[in-house]
């Protein structure tokens, strides 16, 4: 099934690159916009996956083996959204621009599904006045939905992730709806709960250990910090100002703390060592530079 799926995906990708876009025409030659090309390829790929994979277990297994491909595809889609955003002009209808009922936006963050600590994440934004807005986000994830294969899965089990963000944003142009370029300051918090498995050496005081036994203890990771961001929120479809896209890029800091409920009082305990870049639960003695980037899909009401 895997080889057939790859073959069908290749055919779908070839068709999306060779099929002309009927909406854009310049000098008699049909050309493709980046947004149309990315959307077309994504829709054709989903169609192939839907036909070939019929149950959740097979779909999750396939996504795990292709997590890098999907992450790259989403990043390309973000770039395509940015290119499209530059060409979108504000709608001239004053009744739409001044509609006070469209100051709320409910959002979904698709990239959070592909984070190593992935979550299903939603948010809501409220516009106050003509410049200021406040946004809240929350997400939850568990080990069964994680798409990343890792050799640490045997060391850390029963994974559970909680994530939240609070953001204040300032729209650079006066607006009666949450659309346009903005700068923002956010604070975020993430908590990851797991059970860590280590090894205890028993009877090792007088020579070689008599035997080893598995030791399991609850482990928590707390991450908090902040970012300063620049972004743009715009209609995803020109004739529908309710369906919005929000893209952003920012820089800040993050602090990570590790807490173990039961620290083994045994010198022959084989557990985590010093800080490493490859261990998500290694202790971090100082704050780290953090980069924030992403895209959200929203609906205004």
Protein backbone atom coordinates (compact mmCIF):
# COMPACT_ATOMS: atom_id res chain seq x y z
CA UNK A 1 0.00 0.00 0.00
CA UNK A 2 2.86 2.35 0.79
CA UNK A 3 4.40 2.09 -2.70
CA UNK A 4 1.00 2.60 -4.33
CA UNK A 5 0.35 5.66 -2.15
CA UNK A 6 3.71 7.19 -3.05
CA UNK A 7 3.06 6.54 -6.75
CA UNK A 8 -0.41 8.16 -6.60
CA UNK A 9 0.97 11.15 -4.67
CA UNK A 10 3.60 11.60 -7.38
CA UNK A 11 0.96 11.58 -10.09
CA UNK A 12 -1.21 14.08 -8.15
CA UNK A 13 1.77 16.41 -7.63
CA UNK A 14 2.65 16.25 -11.34
CA UNK A 15 -0.94 17.13 -12.29
CA UNK A 16 -1.06 20.12 -9.93
CA UNK A 17 2.10 21.53 -11.56
CA UNK A 18 0.95 20.93 -15.13
CA UNK A 19 -2.74 21.94 -14.84
CA UNK A 20 -3.15 25.66 -15.77
CA UNK A 21 -4.76 28.13 -13.39
CA UNK A 22 -7.84 29.58 -15.13
CA UNK A 23 -7.94 32.62 -12.81
CA UNK A 24 -4.64 34.23 -13.80
CA UNK A 25 -3.74 35.14 -17.37
CA UNK A 26 -0.94 37.35 -18.58
CA UNK A 27 -0.05 37.95 -22.25
CA UNK A 28 -2.13 34.99 -23.40
CA UNK A 29 -0.17 32.47 -21.28
CA UNK A 30 -1.83 30.90 -18.26
CA UNK A 31 0.34 31.15 -15.12
CA UNK A 32 0.01 29.91 -11.57
CA UNK A 33 0.04 32.00 -8.39
CA UNK A 34 2.00 30.59 -5.40
CA UNK A 35 -1.17 30.40 -3.27
CA UNK A 36 -3.18 28.61 -5.98
CA UNK A 37 -0.32 26.17 -6.62
CA UNK A 38 0.15 25.29 -2.93
CA UNK A 39 -3.61 24.91 -2.34
CA UNK A 40 -4.07 22.77 -5.45
CA UNK A 41 -1.22 20.39 -4.53
CA UNK A 42 -2.44 20.14 -0.93
CA UNK A 43 -6.02 19.31 -1.99
CA UNK A 44 -4.88 16.68 -4.50
CA UNK A 45 -2.58 15.08 -1.91
CA UNK A 46 -5.41 14.90 0.63
CA UNK A 47 -7.60 13.24 -1.98
CA UNK A 48 -5.00 10.53 -2.55
CA UNK A 49 -4.54 9.94 1.18
CA UNK A 50 -8.32 9.72 1.69
CA UNK A 51 -8.67 7.08 -1.01
CA UNK A 52 -5.72 4.96 0.13
CA UNK A 53 -6.01 5.13 3.94
CA UNK A 54 -9.31 4.01 5.47
CA UNK A 55 -8.71 3.84 9.24
CA UNK A 56 -7.12 6.10 11.86
CA UNK A 57 -4.31 3.66 12.74
CA UNK A 58 -2.99 3.50 9.19
CA UNK A 59 -3.34 7.28 8.77
CA UNK A 60 -1.42 8.02 11.99
CA UNK A 61 1.34 5.56 11.05
CA UNK A 62 1.69 7.11 7.59
CA UNK A 63 1.77 10.67 8.99
CA UNK A 64 4.51 9.69 11.45
CA UNK A 65 6.73 8.46 8.64
CA UNK A 66 6.05 11.64 6.61
CA UNK A 67 6.02 14.26 9.38
CA UNK A 68 9.01 16.12 7.89
CA UNK A 69 7.32 16.30 4.47
CA UNK A 70 4.10 17.70 5.93
CA UNK A 71 6.00 20.25 8.05
CA UNK A 72 7.86 21.46 4.94
CA UNK A 73 4.58 21.64 3.00
CA UNK A 74 3.00 23.77 5.72
CA UNK A 75 5.98 26.15 5.72
CA UNK A 76 5.65 26.52 1.94
CA UNK A 77 1.97 27.24 2.45
CA UNK A 78 2.81 30.00 4.97
CA UNK A 79 5.15 31.63 2.43
CA UNK A 80 2.40 31.37 -0.20
CA UNK A 81 -0.04 33.04 2.18
CA UNK A 82 2.46 35.87 2.72
CA UNK A 83 2.81 36.40 -1.03
CA UNK A 84 -0.96 36.41 -1.39
CA UNK A 85 -1.36 38.85 1.50
CA UNK A 86 0.70 41.49 -0.32
CA UNK A 87 -1.72 41.47 -3.26
CA UNK A 88 -4.96 41.71 -1.25
CA UNK A 89 -6.52 45.17 -1.05
CA UNK A 90 -9.06 46.26 1.60
CA UNK A 91 -12.67 45.82 0.58
CA UNK A 92 -14.20 49.17 -0.38
CA UNK A 93 -17.68 48.47 1.02
CA UNK A 94 -18.08 50.82 4.06
CA UNK A 95 -20.86 48.68 5.52
CA UNK A 96 -18.45 45.74 5.77
CA UNK A 97 -15.56 47.84 7.09
CA UNK A 98 -17.67 49.35 9.89
CA UNK A 99 -19.58 46.22 10.89
CA UNK A 100 -19.25 46.15 14.73
CA UNK A 101 -20.40 42.52 14.88
CA UNK A 102 -17.13 41.30 13.33
CA UNK A 103 -14.74 42.21 16.11
CA UNK A 104 -14.37 38.59 17.27
CA UNK A 105 -12.22 35.99 15.52
CA UNK A 106 -12.05 32.31 16.49
CA UNK A 107 -8.86 30.61 15.24
CA UNK A 108 -7.21 27.23 14.71
CA UNK A 109 -3.41 26.72 14.67
CA UNK A 110 -2.58 23.88 12.21
CA UNK A 111 1.19 24.04 12.79
CA UNK A 112 0.73 23.06 16.44
CA UNK A 113 -0.12 19.55 15.20
CA UNK A 114 3.45 19.15 13.89
CA UNK A 115 5.33 20.46 16.93
CA UNK A 116 7.44 17.87 18.81
CA UNK A 117 5.16 18.64 21.77
CA UNK A 118 2.14 18.82 19.49
CA UNK A 119 -1.31 19.95 20.58
CA UNK A 120 -4.75 20.64 19.16
CA UNK A 121 -4.81 24.40 19.63
CA UNK A 122 -7.55 27.01 19.30
CA UNK A 123 -7.65 30.74 20.02
CA UNK A 124 -9.98 33.71 20.13
CA UNK A 125 -9.27 37.38 19.39
CA UNK A 126 -11.25 40.48 20.37
CA UNK A 127 -10.72 43.90 18.81
CA UNK A 128 -11.08 46.93 21.11
CA UNK A 129 -11.32 50.37 19.51
CA UNK A 130 -9.53 50.81 16.19
CA UNK A 131 -6.00 49.63 17.04
CA UNK A 132 -5.88 47.30 20.05
CA UNK A 133 -6.79 43.63 20.30
CA UNK A 134 -6.34 40.82 22.82
CA UNK A 135 -5.93 37.16 21.90
CA UNK A 136 -6.08 34.01 24.05
CA UNK A 137 -4.98 30.53 22.95
CA UNK A 138 -5.13 27.11 24.53
CA UNK A 139 -4.15 23.63 23.44
CA UNK A 140 -3.94 20.03 24.64
CA UNK A 141 -2.07 16.98 23.34
CA UNK A 142 -1.31 13.40 24.37
CA UNK A 143 1.21 10.78 23.38
CA UNK A 144 -1.13 8.87 21.07
CA UNK A 145 -1.42 11.83 18.68
CA UNK A 146 2.31 12.62 18.48
CA UNK A 147 3.57 12.24 14.90
CA UNK A 148 7.30 12.21 15.67
CA UNK A 149 9.18 8.94 16.10
CA UNK A 150 11.88 9.16 18.76
CA UNK A 151 14.30 6.81 20.45
CA UNK A 152 13.28 8.50 23.71
CA UNK A 153 9.75 7.04 23.53
CA UNK A 154 10.91 4.09 25.63
CA UNK A 155 12.39 6.45 28.23
CA UNK A 156 9.42 8.86 28.44
CA UNK A 157 5.87 7.53 28.34
CA UNK A 158 2.30 8.66 29.14
CA UNK A 159 3.02 12.07 27.62
CA UNK A 160 0.53 14.89 28.15
CA UNK A 161 0.94 18.48 26.91
CA UNK A 162 -0.86 21.68 27.99
CA UNK A 163 -0.20 24.97 26.21
CA UNK A 164 -1.54 28.54 26.54
CA UNK A 165 -0.76 31.99 25.13
CA UNK A 166 -1.92 35.53 25.91
CA UNK A 167 -1.25 38.24 23.34
CA UNK A 168 -1.79 41.98 23.03
CA UNK A 169 -1.57 43.30 19.48
CA UNK A 170 -1.61 46.76 17.96
CA UNK A 171 -2.89 47.19 14.40
CA UNK A 172 -0.79 49.76 12.57
CA UNK A 173 -3.72 51.22 10.62
CA UNK A 174 -7.08 52.27 12.03
CA UNK A 175 -9.58 49.49 11.54
CA UNK A 176 -13.06 48.53 12.69
CA UNK A 177 -12.36 44.85 12.14
CA UNK A 178 -9.28 42.73 13.03
CA UNK A 179 -7.59 42.90 9.62
CA UNK A 180 -4.23 44.41 8.67
CA UNK A 181 -0.57 44.56 9.74
CA UNK A 182 0.19 44.51 13.44
CA UNK A 183 2.87 44.29 16.11
CA UNK A 184 2.26 42.14 19.17
CA UNK A 185 3.66 41.16 22.55
CA UNK A 186 2.82 37.71 23.90
CA UNK A 187 3.46 35.57 26.93
CA UNK A 188 3.22 31.80 26.75
CA UNK A 189 3.22 28.80 29.06
CA UNK A 190 3.64 25.09 28.35
CA UNK A 191 3.54 22.10 30.67
CA UNK A 192 4.54 18.57 29.67
CA UNK A 193 3.78 15.62 31.97
CA UNK A 194 5.47 12.24 31.40
CA UNK A 195 6.67 9.18 33.27
CA UNK A 196 10.43 8.67 33.06
CA UNK A 197 11.95 5.19 33.12
CA UNK A 198 15.47 4.73 34.47
CA UNK A 199 17.58 1.85 35.75
CA UNK A 200 18.68 1.13 39.35
CA UNK A 201 21.66 -1.05 40.20
CA UNK A 202 20.99 -3.24 43.26
CA UNK A 203 23.72 -4.81 45.41
CA UNK A 204 26.57 -2.83 43.89
CA UNK A 205 28.38 -1.73 47.09
CA UNK A 206 30.80 -4.63 47.31
CA UNK A 207 31.42 -5.28 43.62
CA UNK A 208 29.49 -5.75 40.43
CA UNK A 209 25.76 -5.16 40.75
CA UNK A 210 23.76 -8.27 41.53
CA UNK A 211 20.93 -7.17 39.25
CA UNK A 212 19.24 -4.13 37.74
CA UNK A 213 15.64 -3.05 38.05
CA UNK A 214 13.49 -0.56 36.19
CA UNK A 215 12.67 2.65 38.04
CA UNK A 216 9.72 4.83 36.98
CA UNK A 217 8.95 8.32 38.28
CA UNK A 218 6.63 11.19 37.29
CA UNK A 219 8.41 14.01 35.47
CA UNK A 220 7.20 17.49 34.52
CA UNK A 221 8.59 20.16 32.23
CA UNK A 222 7.52 23.81 32.58
CA UNK A 223 8.30 26.26 29.78
CA UNK A 224 7.44 29.95 29.89
CA UNK A 225 8.61 33.10 28.12
CA UNK A 226 7.60 35.88 25.75
CA UNK A 227 7.93 37.17 22.18
CA UNK A 228 7.67 40.40 20.24
CA UNK A 229 6.00 39.66 16.91
CA UNK A 230 5.15 41.26 13.58
CA UNK A 231 2.35 39.85 11.47
CA UNK A 232 -0.56 40.38 9.17
CA UNK A 233 -4.15 39.18 9.27
CA UNK A 234 -6.06 39.21 6.00
CA UNK A 235 -9.03 37.59 4.19
CA UNK A 236 -8.12 34.16 2.93
CA UNK A 237 -10.64 34.51 0.09
CA UNK A 238 -11.07 37.86 -1.65
CA UNK A 239 -14.88 37.77 -1.65
CA UNK A 240 -15.22 36.43 1.90
CA UNK A 241 -13.93 38.72 4.65
CA UNK A 242 -15.03 36.35 7.40
CA UNK A 243 -12.52 33.58 6.61
CA UNK A 244 -9.12 34.97 7.70
CA UNK A 245 -5.46 33.94 7.71
CA UNK A 246 -3.01 35.16 10.35
CA UNK A 247 0.76 34.86 9.72
CA UNK A 248 3.49 36.15 12.02
CA UNK A 249 7.19 36.08 12.91
CA UNK A 250 8.77 37.04 16.22
CA UNK A 251 11.75 36.84 18.56
CA UNK A 252 11.95 36.44 22.32
CA UNK A 253 13.14 34.17 25.12
CA UNK A 254 12.05 31.05 26.95
CA UNK A 255 12.89 29.44 30.29
CA UNK A 256 12.64 25.69 30.92
CA UNK A 257 12.37 24.02 34.32
CA UNK A 258 12.35 20.28 35.10
CA UNK A 259 10.72 18.81 38.20
CA UNK A 260 10.97 15.20 39.40
CA UNK A 261 8.63 14.02 42.12
CA UNK A 262 10.88 11.16 43.25
CA UNK A 263 14.62 11.53 42.87
CA UNK A 264 16.28 8.12 43.42
CA UNK A 265 18.67 8.23 46.40
CA UNK A 266 21.03 5.77 44.81
CA UNK A 267 24.47 6.42 43.32
CA UNK A 268 23.88 3.66 40.78
CA UNK A 269 20.86 5.34 39.22
CA UNK A 270 21.23 5.70 35.46
CA UNK A 271 19.18 8.75 34.54
CA UNK A 272 19.54 12.00 32.55
CA UNK A 273 22.81 13.86 32.69
CA UNK A 274 23.68 17.46 31.85
CA UNK A 275 21.95 19.74 29.35
CA UNK A 276 21.85 18.49 25.76
CA UNK A 277 20.08 19.82 22.68
CA UNK A 278 18.57 16.41 21.92
CA UNK A 279 16.94 15.62 25.27
CA UNK A 280 13.67 17.52 25.72
CA UNK A 281 13.79 16.94 29.48
CA UNK A 282 17.38 17.89 30.23
CA UNK A 283 17.80 20.73 32.77
CA UNK A 284 18.47 24.21 31.32
CA UNK A 285 20.40 26.53 33.67
CA UNK A 286 19.71 29.71 31.69
CA UNK A 287 17.13 31.35 29.42
CA UNK A 288 17.20 30.49 25.72
CA UNK A 289 16.54 32.60 22.63
CA UNK A 290 13.18 31.71 21.13
CA UNK A 291 11.80 32.24 17.62
CA UNK A 292 8.03 32.41 17.07
CA UNK A 293 6.51 31.81 13.65
CA UNK A 294 3.29 30.33 12.38
CA UNK A 295 -0.02 30.64 10.61
CA UNK A 296 -3.59 30.40 11.85
CA UNK A 297 -6.93 30.08 10.15
CA UNK A 298 -9.75 32.16 11.64
CA UNK A 299 -13.41 33.01 11.26
CA UNK A 300 -14.70 36.51 12.11
CA UNK A 301 -18.10 37.07 13.65
